[in-house]
């Protein structure tokens, strides 16, 4: 297995976004996910302004 500087545990919203961000900046990474298929139920039900960086 090749050595990579970053291991991302979880292929959810945050994990995949992190992998894309790192790749865009030239940092190789590996995303590992324990599930073999997408969930049948939603995991994130919504985002409020503080979670997306919007300040009042």
Protein backbone atom coordinates (compact mmCIF):
# COMPACT_ATOMS: atom_id res chain seq x y z
CA UNK A 1 0.00 0.00 0.00
CA UNK A 2 1.40 3.44 -0.88
CA UNK A 3 2.21 5.87 1.91
CA UNK A 4 -0.04 8.91 1.97
CA UNK A 5 0.25 11.98 4.21
CA UNK A 6 -3.47 12.04 5.11
CA UNK A 7 -5.92 9.29 6.02
CA UNK A 8 -9.55 10.42 6.17
CA UNK A 9 -11.85 8.20 8.22
CA UNK A 10 -15.39 8.39 6.86
CA UNK A 11 -16.81 9.04 3.43
CA UNK A 12 -19.58 11.34 4.56
CA UNK A 13 -20.02 14.98 3.73
CA UNK A 14 -17.07 16.18 5.80
CA UNK A 15 -14.70 13.39 4.78
CA UNK A 16 -15.34 13.75 1.06
CA UNK A 17 -15.20 17.55 1.22
CA UNK A 18 -11.87 17.30 3.02
CA UNK A 19 -10.51 14.93 0.37
CA UNK A 20 -11.60 17.27 -2.44
CA UNK A 21 -10.08 20.28 -0.66
CA UNK A 22 -6.78 18.50 -0.08
CA UNK A 23 -6.67 17.19 -3.65
CA UNK A 24 -7.30 20.67 -5.00
CA UNK A 25 -4.23 21.81 -3.06
CA UNK A 26 -2.08 18.90 -4.24
CA UNK A 27 -2.16 16.86 -1.03
CA UNK A 28 -2.81 13.16 -1.65
CA UNK A 29 -5.19 11.45 0.75
CA UNK A 30 -7.05 8.21 1.25
CA UNK A 31 -10.70 8.06 2.33
CA UNK A 32 -11.75 4.90 4.19
CA UNK A 33 -15.40 4.08 4.84
CA UNK A 34 -16.76 1.09 6.74
CA UNK A 35 -20.04 0.95 4.83
CA UNK A 36 -20.11 -0.87 1.50
CA UNK A 37 -23.12 1.00 0.10
CA UNK A 38 -24.85 4.37 0.56
CA UNK A 39 -27.33 4.67 3.42
CA UNK A 40 -31.03 4.41 2.65
CA UNK A 41 -31.74 7.20 5.13
CA UNK A 42 -30.45 10.78 5.20
CA UNK A 43 -27.67 11.53 7.66
CA UNK A 44 -27.62 15.34 7.59
CA UNK A 45 -31.09 16.79 7.94
CA UNK A 46 -30.08 20.42 7.54
CA UNK A 47 -27.43 23.04 8.07
CA UNK A 48 -27.83 26.17 10.11
CA UNK A 49 -25.91 29.39 9.34
CA UNK A 50 -23.20 28.84 12.00
CA UNK A 51 -22.36 25.48 10.41
CA UNK A 52 -21.74 26.93 6.96
CA UNK A 53 -19.64 29.87 8.10
CA UNK A 54 -22.34 32.55 7.92
CA UNK A 55 -22.13 35.03 10.75
CA UNK A 56 -25.14 37.03 11.90
